[in-house]
Amino acid sequence: MNRHAFAGEVRLAYKLLVNDRTTFAALLASSRSLTANVINTAIARAGYAAQRDATGEVNVLLDEQIRSARVQYKAGIAPYSAVLAFEPQHAADAAAPFASLGVGWWQDDAPAAIAAAKDER
């Protein structure tokens, strides 16, 4: 015989309480994970922007070095190989995708890319 008339209801209440706490813990974990992802994305975006800006500055300095080497070559005080020494580096830096594209460039091109994909079907 059951000594407690409401034993089933008490167990049910404990189960609901445990489920509620489990759900809350999962929600809290999801919230913290999302917050960490947003922070990591912001840090990465700032890093890419700084890298793009630094590459732009390097390209400006490299252009100055190439101009200087050409002036020296035209003046006859340096061989043309001095000019050629800078060209591969300049080409490699100019070809870097982050040098010419802004951070978030895909956001501007996304509607056009989606429209083009629909047209291809």
PDB file of N, CA and C in Angstrom:
ATOM      1  N   MET A   1       0.824  -1.179   0.000  1.00  0.00           N
ATOM      2  CA  MET A   1       0.000   0.000   0.000  1.00  0.00           C
ATOM      3  C   MET A   1       0.875   1.252   0.000  1.00  0.00           C
ATOM      4  N   ASN A   2       0.397   2.261  -0.697  1.00  0.00           N
ATOM      5  CA  ASN A   2       1.165   3.485  -0.833  1.00  0.00           C
ATOM      6  C   ASN A   2       0.999   4.340   0.423  1.00  0.00           C
ATOM      7  N   ARG A   3       2.112   4.689   1.034  1.00  0.00           N
ATOM      8  CA  ARG A   3       2.047   5.465   2.278  1.00  0.00           C
ATOM      9  C   ARG A   3       1.784   6.938   2.009  1.00  0.00           C
ATOM     10  N   HIS A   4       2.168   7.384   0.814  1.00  0.00           N
ATOM     11  CA  HIS A   4       1.998   8.799   0.491  1.00  0.00           C
ATOM     12  C   HIS A   4       1.035   8.899  -0.673  1.00  0.00           C
ATOM     13  N   ALA A   5      -0.042   9.602  -0.461  1.00  0.00           N
ATOM     14  CA  ALA A   5      -1.092   9.653  -1.475  1.00  0.00           C
ATOM     15  C   ALA A   5      -0.645  10.399  -2.726  1.00  0.00           C
ATOM     16  N   PHE A   6       0.277  11.313  -2.576  1.00  0.00           N
ATOM     17  CA  PHE A   6       0.702  12.133  -3.711  1.00  0.00           C
ATOM     18  C   PHE A   6       2.124  11.819  -4.157  1.00  0.00           C
ATOM     19  N   ALA A   7       2.596  10.606  -3.949  1.00  0.00           N
ATOM     20  CA  ALA A   7       3.970  10.234  -4.284  1.00  0.00           C
ATOM     21  C   ALA A   7       4.234  10.376  -5.779  1.00  0.00           C
ATOM     22  N   GLY A   8       3.284   9.985  -6.615  1.00  0.00           N
ATOM     23  CA  GLY A   8       3.455  10.097  -8.067  1.00  0.00           C
ATOM     24  C   GLY A   8       3.569  11.543  -8.502  1.00  0.00           C
ATOM     25  N   GLU A   9       2.758  12.402  -7.905  1.00  0.00           N
ATOM     26  CA  GLU A   9       2.801  13.815  -8.245  1.00  0.00           C
ATOM     27  C   GLU A   9       4.107  14.462  -7.780  1.00  0.00           C
ATOM     28  N   VAL A  10       4.612  14.027  -6.629  1.00  0.00           N
ATOM     29  CA  VAL A  10       5.883  14.563  -6.119  1.00  0.00           C
ATOM     30  C   VAL A  10       7.019  14.174  -7.056  1.00  0.00           C
ATOM     31  N   ARG A  11       7.041  12.900  -7.476  1.00  0.00           N
ATOM     32  CA  ARG A  11       8.076  12.455  -8.410  1.00  0.00           C
ATOM     33  C   ARG A  11       7.977  13.232  -9.724  1.00  0.00           C
ATOM     34  N   LEU A  12       6.764  13.447 -10.205  1.00  0.00           N
ATOM     35  CA  LEU A  12       6.556  14.201 -11.430  1.00  0.00           C
ATOM     36  C   LEU A  12       7.063  15.634 -11.266  1.00  0.00           C
ATOM     37  N   ALA A  13       6.789  16.231 -10.122  1.00  0.00           N
ATOM     38  CA  ALA A  13       7.259  17.599  -9.868  1.00  0.00           C
ATOM     39  C   ALA A  13       8.787  17.649  -9.866  1.00  0.00           C
ATOM     40  N   TYR A  14       9.452  16.660  -9.253  1.00  0.00           N
ATOM     41  CA  TYR A  14      10.921  16.611  -9.261  1.00  0.00           C
ATOM     42  C   TYR A  14      11.457  16.438 -10.682  1.00  0.00           C
ATOM     43  N   LYS A  15      10.808  15.589 -11.480  1.00  0.00           N
ATOM     44  CA  LYS A  15      11.238  15.387 -12.866  1.00  0.00           C
ATOM     45  C   LYS A  15      11.116  16.681 -13.658  1.00  0.00           C
ATOM     46  N   LEU A  16       9.989  17.385 -13.458  1.00  0.00           N
ATOM     47  CA  LEU A  16       9.807  18.662 -14.162  1.00  0.00           C
ATOM     48  C   LEU A  16      10.847  19.683 -13.725  1.00  0.00           C
ATOM     49  N   LEU A  17      11.165  19.691 -12.442  1.00  0.00           N
ATOM     50  CA  LEU A  17      12.186  20.606 -11.932  1.00  0.00           C
ATOM     51  C   LEU A  17      13.544  20.295 -12.541  1.00  0.00           C
ATOM     52  N   VAL A  18      13.894  19.007 -12.614  1.00  0.00           N
ATOM     53  CA  VAL A  18      15.166  18.603 -13.213  1.00  0.00           C
ATOM     54  C   VAL A  18      15.178  18.966 -14.691  1.00  0.00           C
ATOM     55  N   ASN A  19      14.071  18.719 -15.399  1.00  0.00           N
ATOM     56  CA  ASN A  19      14.000  19.078 -16.820  1.00  0.00           C
ATOM     57  C   ASN A  19      14.145  20.584 -17.016  1.00  0.00           C
ATOM     58  N   ASP A  20      13.515  21.351 -16.119  1.00  0.00           N
ATOM     59  CA  ASP A  20      13.605  22.803 -16.202  1.00  0.00           C
ATOM     60  C   ASP A  20      15.046  23.267 -15.999  1.00  0.00           C
ATOM     61  N   ARG A  21      15.728  22.715 -15.024  1.00  0.00           N
ATOM     62  CA  ARG A  21      17.118  23.090 -14.765  1.00  0.00           C
ATOM     63  C   ARG A  21      18.030  22.661 -15.908  1.00  0.00           C
ATOM     64  N   THR A  22      17.769  21.482 -16.477  1.00  0.00           N
ATOM     65  CA  THR A  22      18.562  21.006 -17.605  1.00  0.00           C
ATOM     66  C   THR A  22      18.370  21.917 -18.811  1.00  0.00           C
ATOM     67  N   THR A  23      17.134  22.290 -19.054  1.00  0.00           N
ATOM     68  CA  THR A  23      16.845  23.198 -20.165  1.00  0.00           C
ATOM     69  C   THR A  23      17.513  24.545 -19.949  1.00  0.00           C
ATOM     70  N   PHE A  24      17.463  25.060 -18.737  1.00  0.00           N
ATOM     71  CA  PHE A  24      18.100  26.328 -18.422  1.00  0.00           C
ATOM     72  C   PHE A  24      19.613  26.234 -18.613  1.00  0.00           C
ATOM     73  N   ALA A  25      20.217  25.143 -18.181  1.00  0.00           N
ATOM     74  CA  ALA A  25      21.666  24.962 -18.352  1.00  0.00           C
ATOM     75  C   ALA A  25      22.033  24.901 -19.828  1.00  0.00           C
ATOM     76  N   ALA A  26      21.223  24.218 -20.629  1.00  0.00           N
ATOM     77  CA  ALA A  26      21.482  24.152 -22.072  1.00  0.00           C
ATOM     78  C   ALA A  26      21.332  25.524 -22.713  1.00  0.00           C
ATOM     79  N   LEU A  27      20.331  26.279 -22.293  1.00  0.00           N
ATOM     80  CA  LEU A  27      20.135  27.632 -22.808  1.00  0.00           C
ATOM     81  C   LEU A  27      21.306  28.531 -22.428  1.00  0.00           C
ATOM     82  N   LEU A  28      21.758  28.427 -21.207  1.00  0.00           N
ATOM     83  CA  LEU A  28      22.897  29.220 -20.753  1.00  0.00           C
ATOM     84  C   LEU A  28      24.162  28.850 -21.519  1.00  0.00           C
ATOM     85  N   ALA A  29      24.381  27.563 -21.741  1.00  0.00           N
ATOM     86  CA  ALA A  29      25.556  27.112 -22.504  1.00  0.00           C
ATOM     87  C   ALA A  29      25.479  27.610 -23.940  1.00  0.00           C
ATOM     88  N   SER A  30      24.308  27.555 -24.541  1.00  0.00           N
ATOM     89  CA  SER A  30      24.140  28.046 -25.911  1.00  0.00           C
ATOM     90  C   SER A  30      24.407  29.540 -25.986  1.00  0.00           C
ATOM     91  N   SER A  31      23.899  30.267 -25.007  1.00  0.00           N
ATOM     92  CA  SER A  31      24.102  31.710 -24.976  1.00  0.00           C
ATOM     93  C   SER A  31      25.581  32.058 -24.848  1.00  0.00           C
ATOM     94  N   ARG A  32      26.273  31.366 -23.987  1.00  0.00           N
ATOM     95  CA  ARG A  32      27.708  31.634 -23.811  1.00  0.00           C
ATOM     96  C   ARG A  32      28.504  31.253 -25.053  1.00  0.00           C
ATOM     97  N   SER A  33      28.111  30.152 -25.690  1.00  0.00           N
ATOM     98  CA  SER A  33      28.780  29.730 -26.921  1.00  0.00           C
ATOM     99  C   SER A  33      28.580  30.762 -28.025  1.00  0.00           C
ATOM    100  N   LEU A  34      27.365  31.254 -28.159  1.00  0.00           N
ATOM    101  CA  LEU A  34      27.076  32.263 -29.160  1.00  0.00           C
ATOM    102  C   LEU A  34      27.849  33.548 -28.880  1.00  0.00           C
ATOM    103  N   THR A  35      27.906  33.951 -27.617  1.00  0.00           N
ATOM    104  CA  THR A  35      28.665  35.140 -27.244  1.00  0.00           C
ATOM    105  C   THR A  35      30.145  34.971 -27.587  1.00  0.00           C
ATOM    106  N   ALA A  36      30.701  33.811 -27.303  1.00  0.00           N
ATOM    107  CA  ALA A  36      32.103  33.554 -27.634  1.00  0.00           C
ATOM    108  C   ALA A  36      32.317  33.590 -29.138  1.00  0.00           C
ATOM    109  N   ASN A  37      31.388  33.047 -29.913  1.00  0.00           N
ATOM    110  CA  ASN A  37      31.522  33.088 -31.370  1.00  0.00           C
ATOM    111  C   ASN A  37      31.483  34.515 -31.899  1.00  0.00           C
ATOM    112  N   VAL A  38      30.609  35.338 -31.345  1.00  0.00           N
ATOM    113  CA  VAL A  38      30.524  36.734 -31.775  1.00  0.00           C
ATOM    114  C   VAL A  38      31.820  37.467 -31.447  1.00  0.00           C
ATOM    115  N   ILE A  39      32.353  37.228 -30.265  1.00  0.00           N
ATOM    116  CA  ILE A  39      33.604  37.877 -29.868  1.00  0.00           C
ATOM    117  C   ILE A  39      34.752  37.415 -30.757  1.00  0.00           C
ATOM    118  N   ASN A  40      34.846  36.107 -31.021  1.00  0.00           N
ATOM    119  CA  ASN A  40      35.911  35.598 -31.888  1.00  0.00           C
ATOM    120  C   ASN A  40      35.792  36.154 -33.298  1.00  0.00           C
ATOM    121  N   THR A  41      34.576  36.294 -33.786  1.00  0.00           N
ATOM    122  CA  THR A  41      34.370  36.859 -35.116  1.00  0.00           C
ATOM    123  C   THR A  41      34.811  38.316 -35.157  1.00  0.00           C
ATOM    124  N   ALA A  42      34.479  39.061 -34.128  1.00  0.00           N
ATOM    125  CA  ALA A  42      34.893  40.465 -34.082  1.00  0.00           C
ATOM    126  C   ALA A  42      36.412  40.593 -34.032  1.00  0.00           C
ATOM    127  N   ILE A  43      37.058  39.736 -33.267  1.00  0.00           N
ATOM    128  CA  ILE A  43      38.523  39.767 -33.183  1.00  0.00           C
ATOM    129  C   ILE A  43      39.136  39.395 -34.531  1.00  0.00           C
ATOM    130  N   ALA A  44      38.600  38.365 -35.176  1.00  0.00           N
ATOM    131  CA  ALA A  44      39.125  37.956 -36.488  1.00  0.00           C
ATOM    132  C   ALA A  44      38.915  39.056 -37.516  1.00  0.00           C
ATOM    133  N   ARG A  45      37.764  39.681 -37.493  1.00  0.00           N
ATOM    134  CA  ARG A  45      37.480  40.761 -38.448  1.00  0.00           C
ATOM    135  C   ARG A  45      38.456  41.915 -38.259  1.00  0.00           C
ATOM    136  N   ALA A  46      38.724  42.271 -37.011  1.00  0.00           N
ATOM    137  CA  ALA A  46      39.694  43.342 -36.740  1.00  0.00           C
ATOM    138  C   ALA A  46      41.094  42.937 -37.202  1.00  0.00           C
ATOM    139  N   GLY A  47      41.436  41.666 -36.996  1.00  0.00           N
ATOM    140  CA  GLY A  47      42.743  41.185 -37.437  1.00  0.00           C
ATOM    141  C   GLY A  47      42.885  41.224 -38.944  1.00  0.00           C
ATOM    142  N   TYR A  48      41.837  40.805 -39.664  1.00  0.00           N
ATOM    143  CA  TYR A  48      41.888  40.841 -41.125  1.00  0.00           C
ATOM    144  C   TYR A  48      41.976  42.282 -41.629  1.00  0.00           C
ATOM    145  N   ALA A  49      41.236  43.182 -40.997  1.00  0.00           N
ATOM    146  CA  ALA A  49      41.294  44.593 -41.401  1.00  0.00           C
ATOM    147  C   ALA A  49      42.694  45.159 -41.173  1.00  0.00           C
ATOM    148  N   ALA A  50      43.290  44.828 -40.031  1.00  0.00           N
ATOM    149  CA  ALA A  50      44.651  45.304 -39.752  1.00  0.00           C
ATOM    150  C   ALA A  50      45.648  44.713 -40.741  1.00  0.00           C
ATOM    151  N   GLN A  51      45.465  43.442 -41.081  1.00  0.00           N
ATOM    152  CA  GLN A  51      46.359  42.801 -42.054  1.00  0.00           C
ATOM    153  C   GLN A  51      46.211  43.453 -43.426  1.00  0.00           C
ATOM    154  N   ARG A  52      44.975  43.744 -43.825  1.00  0.00           N
ATOM    155  CA  ARG A  52      44.740  44.397 -45.103  1.00  0.00           C
ATOM    156  C   ARG A  52      45.392  45.777 -45.130  1.00  0.00           C
ATOM    157  N   ASP A  53      45.229  46.537 -44.048  1.00  0.00           N
ATOM    158  CA  ASP A  53      45.825  47.869 -43.981  1.00  0.00           C
ATOM    159  C   ASP A  53      47.349  47.798 -44.007  1.00  0.00           C
ATOM    160  N   ALA A  54      47.911  46.845 -43.274  1.00  0.00           N
ATOM    161  CA  ALA A  54      49.372  46.692 -43.249  1.00  0.00           C
ATOM    162  C   ALA A  54      49.893  46.300 -44.627  1.00  0.00           C
ATOM    163  N   THR A  55      49.162  45.440 -45.326  1.00  0.00           N
ATOM    164  CA  THR A  55      49.576  45.045 -46.671  1.00  0.00           C
ATOM    165  C   THR A  55      49.540  46.246 -47.609  1.00  0.00           C
ATOM    166  N   GLY A  56      48.534  47.076 -47.460  1.00  0.00           N
ATOM    167  CA  GLY A  56      48.466  48.299 -48.266  1.00  0.00           C
ATOM    168  C   GLY A  56      49.660  49.203 -48.011  1.00  0.00           C
ATOM    169  N   GLU A  57      50.053  49.335 -46.747  1.00  0.00           N
ATOM    170  CA  GLU A  57      51.213  50.161 -46.410  1.00  0.00           C
ATOM    171  C   GLU A  57      52.498  49.563 -46.985  1.00  0.00           C
ATOM    172  N   VAL A  58      52.621  48.238 -46.922  1.00  0.00           N
ATOM    173  CA  VAL A  58      53.798  47.568 -47.489  1.00  0.00           C
ATOM    174  C   VAL A  58      53.847  47.794 -48.996  1.00  0.00           C
ATOM    175  N   ASN A  59      52.690  47.737 -49.660  1.00  0.00           N
ATOM    176  CA  ASN A  59      52.656  47.964 -51.103  1.00  0.00           C
ATOM    177  C   ASN A  59      53.092  49.379 -51.452  1.00  0.00           C
ATOM    178  N   VAL A  60      52.693  50.350 -50.648  1.00  0.00           N
ATOM    179  CA  VAL A  60      53.117  51.733 -50.888  1.00  0.00           C
ATOM    180  C   VAL A  60      54.636  51.850 -50.743  1.00  0.00           C
ATOM    181  N   LEU A  61      55.189  51.251 -49.682  1.00  0.00           N
ATOM    182  CA  LEU A  61      56.642  51.297 -49.490  1.00  0.00           C
ATOM    183  C   LEU A  61      57.382  50.571 -50.605  1.00  0.00           C
ATOM    184  N   LEU A  62      56.814  49.455 -51.055  1.00  0.00           N
ATOM    185  CA  LEU A  62      57.431  48.697 -52.136  1.00  0.00           C
ATOM    186  C   LEU A  62      57.406  49.486 -53.438  1.00  0.00           C
ATOM    187  N   ASP A  63      56.321  50.209 -53.690  1.00  0.00           N
ATOM    188  CA  ASP A  63      56.264  51.078 -54.874  1.00  0.00           C
ATOM    189  C   ASP A  63      57.357  52.142 -54.817  1.00  0.00           C
ATOM    190  N   GLU A  64      57.569  52.701 -53.635  1.00  0.00           N
ATOM    191  CA  GLU A  64      58.631  53.704 -53.475  1.00  0.00           C
ATOM    192  C   GLU A  64      60.005  53.088 -53.726  1.00  0.00           C
ATOM    193  N   GLN A  65      60.226  51.876 -53.253  1.00  0.00           N
ATOM    194  CA  GLN A  65      61.506  51.210 -53.487  1.00  0.00           C
ATOM    195  C   GLN A  65      61.713  50.927 -54.970  1.00  0.00           C
ATOM    196  N   ILE A  66      60.659  50.507 -55.649  1.00  0.00           N
ATOM    197  CA  ILE A  66      60.776  50.237 -57.086  1.00  0.00           C
ATOM    198  C   ILE A  66      61.076  51.532 -57.838  1.00  0.00           C
ATOM    199  N   ARG A  67      60.383  52.623 -57.492  1.00  0.00           N
ATOM    200  CA  ARG A  67      60.668  53.914 -58.136  1.00  0.00           C
ATOM    201  C   ARG A  67      62.106  54.336 -57.881  1.00  0.00           C
ATOM    202  N   SER A  68      62.556  54.158 -56.647  1.00  0.00           N
ATOM    203  CA  SER A  68      63.937  54.521 -56.306  1.00  0.00           C
ATOM    204  C   SER A  68      64.932  53.678 -57.097  1.00  0.00           C
ATOM    205  N   ALA A  69      64.667  52.377 -57.217  1.00  0.00           N
ATOM    206  CA  ALA A  69      65.570  51.501 -57.973  1.00  0.00           C
ATOM    207  C   ALA A  69      65.575  51.881 -59.450  1.00  0.00           C
ATOM    208  N   ARG A  70      64.432  52.276 -59.992  1.00  0.00           N
ATOM    209  CA  ARG A  70      64.382  52.698 -61.403  1.00  0.00           C
ATOM    210  C   ARG A  70      65.148  54.003 -61.616  1.00  0.00           C
ATOM    211  N   VAL A  71      65.011  54.922 -60.680  1.00  0.00           N
ATOM    212  CA  VAL A  71      65.765  56.175 -60.787  1.00  0.00           C
ATOM    213  C   VAL A  71      67.263  55.881 -60.735  1.00  0.00           C
ATOM    214  N   GLN A  72      67.662  54.987 -59.845  1.00  0.00           N
ATOM    215  CA  GLN A  72      69.083  54.624 -59.758  1.00  0.00           C
ATOM    216  C   GLN A  72      69.548  53.950 -61.046  1.00  0.00           C
ATOM    217  N   TYR A  73      68.700  53.111 -61.640  1.00  0.00           N
ATOM    218  CA  TYR A  73      69.061  52.448 -62.896  1.00  0.00           C
ATOM    219  C   TYR A  73      69.205  53.480 -64.017  1.00  0.00           C
ATOM    220  N   LYS A  74      68.253  54.415 -64.099  1.00  0.00           N
ATOM    221  CA  LYS A  74      68.314  55.441 -65.149  1.00  0.00           C
ATOM    222  C   LYS A  74      69.513  56.358 -64.965  1.00  0.00           C
ATOM    223  N   ALA A  75      69.911  56.552 -63.702  1.00  0.00           N
ATOM    224  CA  ALA A  75      71.087  57.392 -63.433  1.00  0.00           C
ATOM    225  C   ALA A  75      72.384  56.633 -63.690  1.00  0.00           C
ATOM    226  N   GLY A  76      72.277  55.314 -63.866  1.00  0.00           N
ATOM    227  CA  GLY A  76      73.452  54.511 -64.155  1.00  0.00           C
ATOM    228  C   GLY A  76      74.229  54.073 -62.931  1.00  0.00           C
ATOM    229  N   ILE A  77      73.625  54.158 -61.776  1.00  0.00           N
ATOM    230  CA  ILE A  77      74.356  53.768 -60.557  1.00  0.00           C
ATOM    231  C   ILE A  77      73.898  52.428 -59.988  1.00  0.00           C
ATOM    232  N   ALA A  78      72.908  51.794 -60.648  1.00  0.00           N
ATOM    233  CA  ALA A  78      72.442  50.481 -60.190  1.00  0.00           C
ATOM    234  C   ALA A  78      72.040  49.651 -61.411  1.00  0.00           C
ATOM    235  N   PRO A  79      72.227  48.338 -61.344  1.00  0.00           N
ATOM    236  CA  PRO A  79      71.803  47.491 -62.469  1.00  0.00           C
ATOM    237  C   PRO A  79      70.278  47.340 -62.477  1.00  0.00           C
ATOM    238  N   TYR A  80      69.748  46.925 -63.622  1.00  0.00           N
ATOM    239  CA  TYR A  80      68.305  46.731 -63.738  1.00  0.00           C
ATOM    240  C   TYR A  80      67.829  45.568 -62.876  1.00  0.00           C
ATOM    241  N   SER A  81      68.717  44.692 -62.510  1.00  0.00           N
ATOM    242  CA  SER A  81      68.335  43.574 -61.636  1.00  0.00           C
ATOM    243  C   SER A  81      67.847  44.081 -60.278  1.00  0.00           C
ATOM    244  N   ALA A  82      68.253  45.271 -59.884  1.00  0.00           N
ATOM    245  CA  ALA A  82      67.761  45.856 -58.630  1.00  0.00           C
ATOM    246  C   ALA A  82      66.258  46.137 -58.738  1.00  0.00           C
ATOM    247  N   VAL A  83      65.836  46.589 -59.925  1.00  0.00           N
ATOM    248  CA  VAL A  83      64.406  46.823 -60.152  1.00  0.00           C
ATOM    249  C   VAL A  83      63.671  45.484 -60.183  1.00  0.00           C
ATOM    250  N   LEU A  84      64.261  44.514 -60.905  1.00  0.00           N
ATOM    251  CA  LEU A  84      63.621  43.213 -61.052  1.00  0.00           C
ATOM    252  C   LEU A  84      63.519  42.466 -59.725  1.00  0.00           C
ATOM    253  N   ALA A  85      64.379  42.769 -58.790  1.00  0.00           N
ATOM    254  CA  ALA A  85      64.352  42.081 -57.491  1.00  0.00           C
ATOM    255  C   ALA A  85      63.067  42.386 -56.721  1.00  0.00           C
ATOM    256  N   PHE A  86      62.511  43.578 -56.948  1.00  0.00           N
ATOM    257  CA  PHE A  86      61.305  43.972 -56.214  1.00  0.00           C
ATOM    258  C   PHE A  86      60.018  43.530 -56.903  1.00  0.00           C
ATOM    259  N   GLU A  87      60.076  43.290 -58.203  1.00  0.00           N
ATOM    260  CA  GLU A  87      58.860  42.993 -58.967  1.00  0.00           C
ATOM    261  C   GLU A  87      58.101  41.750 -58.480  1.00  0.00           C
ATOM    262  N   PRO A  88      58.753  40.599 -58.231  1.00  0.00           N
ATOM    263  CA  PRO A  88      57.973  39.428 -57.782  1.00  0.00           C
ATOM    264  C   PRO A  88      57.248  39.662 -56.461  1.00  0.00           C
ATOM    265  N   GLN A  89      57.910  40.351 -55.540  1.00  0.00           N
ATOM    266  CA  GLN A  89      57.269  40.637 -54.258  1.00  0.00           C
ATOM    267  C   GLN A  89      56.069  41.553 -54.458  1.00  0.00           C
ATOM    268  N   HIS A  90      56.231  42.536 -55.324  1.00  0.00           N
ATOM    269  CA  HIS A  90      55.137  43.466 -55.586  1.00  0.00           C
ATOM    270  C   HIS A  90      53.958  42.740 -56.227  1.00  0.00           C
ATOM    271  N   ALA A  91      54.230  41.849 -57.151  1.00  0.00           N
ATOM    272  CA  ALA A  91      53.157  41.092 -57.803  1.00  0.00           C
ATOM    273  C   ALA A  91      52.445  40.181 -56.806  1.00  0.00           C
ATOM    274  N   ALA A  92      53.211  39.543 -55.925  1.00  0.00           N
ATOM    275  CA  ALA A  92      52.612  38.646 -54.931  1.00  0.00           C
ATOM    276  C   ALA A  92      51.727  39.415 -53.958  1.00  0.00           C
ATOM    277  N   ASP A  93      52.185  40.579 -53.517  1.00  0.00           N
ATOM    278  CA  ASP A  93      51.387  41.371 -52.585  1.00  0.00           C
ATOM    279  C   ASP A  93      50.141  41.931 -53.255  1.00  0.00           C
ATOM    280  N   ALA A  94      50.266  42.311 -54.515  1.00  0.00           N
ATOM    281  CA  ALA A  94      49.113  42.873 -55.221  1.00  0.00           C
ATOM    282  C   ALA A  94      48.063  41.803 -55.485  1.00  0.00           C
ATOM    283  N   ALA A  95      48.483  40.553 -55.581  1.00  0.00           N
ATOM    284  CA  ALA A  95      47.543  39.472 -55.865  1.00  0.00           C
ATOM    285  C   ALA A  95      46.843  38.948 -54.623  1.00  0.00           C
ATOM    286  N   ALA A  96      47.279  39.380 -53.450  1.00  0.00           N
ATOM    287  CA  ALA A  96      46.660  38.903 -52.210  1.00  0.00           C
ATOM    288  C   ALA A  96      45.197  39.331 -52.185  1.00  0.00           C
ATOM    289  N   PRO A  97      44.284  38.418 -51.901  1.00  0.00           N
ATOM    290  CA  PRO A  97      42.862  38.758 -51.980  1.00  0.00           C
ATOM    291  C   PRO A  97      42.431  39.824 -50.987  1.00  0.00           C
ATOM    292  N   PHE A  98      43.041  39.866 -49.813  1.00  0.00           N
ATOM    293  CA  PHE A  98      42.617  40.847 -48.822  1.00  0.00           C
ATOM    294  C   PHE A  98      43.177  42.225 -49.109  1.00  0.00           C
ATOM    295  N   ALA A  99      44.121  42.333 -50.031  1.00  0.00           N
ATOM    296  CA  ALA A  99      44.689  43.639 -50.348  1.00  0.00           C
ATOM    297  C   ALA A  99      43.712  44.486 -51.151  1.00  0.00           C
ATOM    298  N   SER A 100      42.941  43.852 -52.027  1.00  0.00           N
ATOM    299  CA  SER A 100      42.038  44.616 -52.876  1.00  0.00           C
ATOM    300  C   SER A 100      40.589  44.553 -52.414  1.00  0.00           C
ATOM    301  N   LEU A 101      40.238  43.566 -51.610  1.00  0.00           N
ATOM    302  CA  LEU A 101      38.858  43.414 -51.166  1.00  0.00           C
ATOM    303  C   LEU A 101      38.722  43.874 -49.729  1.00  0.00           C
ATOM    304  N   GLY A 102      37.653  44.588 -49.454  1.00  0.00           N
ATOM    305  CA  GLY A 102      37.428  45.032 -48.096  1.00  0.00           C
ATOM    306  C   GLY A 102      36.904  43.897 -47.230  1.00  0.00           C
ATOM    307  N   VAL A 103      36.992  44.091 -45.922  1.00  0.00           N
ATOM    308  CA  VAL A 103      36.414  43.103 -45.015  1.00  0.00           C
ATOM    309  C   VAL A 103      34.908  43.130 -45.206  1.00  0.00           C
ATOM    310  N   GLY A 104      34.326  41.963 -45.384  1.00  0.00           N
ATOM    311  CA  GLY A 104      32.897  41.883 -45.634  1.00  0.00           C
ATOM    312  C   GLY A 104      32.531  42.106 -47.093  1.00  0.00           C
ATOM    313  N   TRP A 105      33.479  41.965 -47.993  1.00  0.00           N
ATOM    314  CA  TRP A 105      33.220  42.192 -49.422  1.00  0.00           C
ATOM    315  C   TRP A 105      32.099  41.306 -49.937  1.00  0.00           C
ATOM    316  N   TRP A 106      31.975  40.107 -49.356  1.00  0.00           N
ATOM    317  CA  TRP A 106      30.949  39.172 -49.812  1.00  0.00           C
ATOM    318  C   TRP A 106      29.561  39.687 -49.513  1.00  0.00           C
ATOM    319  N   GLN A 107      29.417  40.542 -48.508  1.00  0.00           N
ATOM    320  CA  GLN A 107      28.097  41.060 -48.172  1.00  0.00           C
ATOM    321  C   GLN A 107      27.575  41.947 -49.299  1.00  0.00           C
ATOM    322  N   ASP A 108      28.467  42.721 -49.921  1.00  0.00           N
ATOM    323  CA  ASP A 108      28.056  43.595 -51.000  1.00  0.00           C
ATOM    324  C   ASP A 108      27.708  42.798 -52.262  1.00  0.00           C
ATOM    325  N   ASP A 109      28.425  41.701 -52.496  1.00  0.00           N
ATOM    326  CA  ASP A 109      28.241  40.909 -53.708  1.00  0.00           C
ATOM    327  C   ASP A 109      27.226  39.787 -53.547  1.00  0.00           C
ATOM    328  N   ALA A 110      26.759  39.542 -52.340  1.00  0.00           N
ATOM    329  CA  ALA A 110      25.874  38.408 -52.100  1.00  0.00           C
ATOM    330  C   ALA A 110      24.578  38.483 -52.918  1.00  0.00           C
ATOM    331  N   PRO A 111      23.858  39.612 -52.968  1.00  0.00           N
ATOM    332  CA  PRO A 111      22.621  39.621 -53.758  1.00  0.00           C
ATOM    333  C   PRO A 111      22.877  39.325 -55.242  1.00  0.00           C
ATOM    334  N   ALA A 112      23.953  39.873 -55.789  1.00  0.00           N
ATOM    335  CA  ALA A 112      24.275  39.623 -57.205  1.00  0.00           C
ATOM    336  C   ALA A 112      24.625  38.154 -57.429  1.00  0.00           C
ATOM    337  N   ALA A 113      25.358  37.564 -56.486  1.00  0.00           N
ATOM    338  CA  ALA A 113      25.737  36.153 -56.628  1.00  0.00           C
ATOM    339  C   ALA A 113      24.514  35.253 -56.528  1.00  0.00           C
ATOM    340  N   ILE A 114      23.592  35.586 -55.648  1.00  0.00           N
ATOM    341  CA  ILE A 114      22.375  34.783 -55.508  1.00  0.00           C
ATOM    342  C   ILE A 114      21.532  34.885 -56.782  1.00  0.00           C
ATOM    343  N   ALA A 115      21.418  36.110 -57.321  1.00  0.00           N
ATOM    344  CA  ALA A 115      20.657  36.297 -58.556  1.00  0.00           C
ATOM    345  C   ALA A 115      21.304  35.537 -59.717  1.00  0.00           C
ATOM    346  N   ALA A 116      22.634  35.565 -59.786  1.00  0.00           N
ATOM    347  CA  ALA A 116      23.340  34.856 -60.855  1.00  0.00           C
ATOM    348  C   ALA A 116      23.142  33.336 -60.721  1.00  0.00           C
ATOM    349  N   ALA A 117      23.147  32.843 -59.500  1.00  0.00           N
ATOM    350  CA  ALA A 117      22.935  31.402 -59.286  1.00  0.00           C
ATOM    351  C   ALA A 117      21.529  30.989 -59.691  1.00  0.00           C
ATOM    352  N   LYS A 118      20.560  31.836 -59.423  1.00  0.00           N
ATOM    353  CA  LYS A 118      19.181  31.534 -59.818  1.00  0.00           C
ATOM    354  C   LYS A 118      19.044  31.547 -61.335  1.00  0.00           C
ATOM    355  N   ASP A 119      19.737  32.483 -61.994  1.00  0.00           N
ATOM    356  CA  ASP A 119      19.670  32.576 -63.453  1.00  0.00           C
ATOM    357  C   ASP A 119      20.295  31.364 -64.128  1.00  0.00           C
ATOM    358  N   GLU A 120      21.310  30.764 -63.484  1.00  0.00           N
ATOM    359  CA  GLU A 120      21.985  29.611 -64.059  1.00  0.00           C
ATOM    360  C   GLU A 120      21.104  28.377 -64.055  1.00  0.00           C
ATOM    361  N   ARG A 121      20.147  28.307 -63.153  1.00  0.00           N
ATOM    362  CA  ARG A 121      19.256  27.138 -63.082  1.00  0.00           C
ATOM    363  C   ARG A 121      18.369  27.163 -64.249  1.00  0.00           C
TER     364      ARG A 121
END
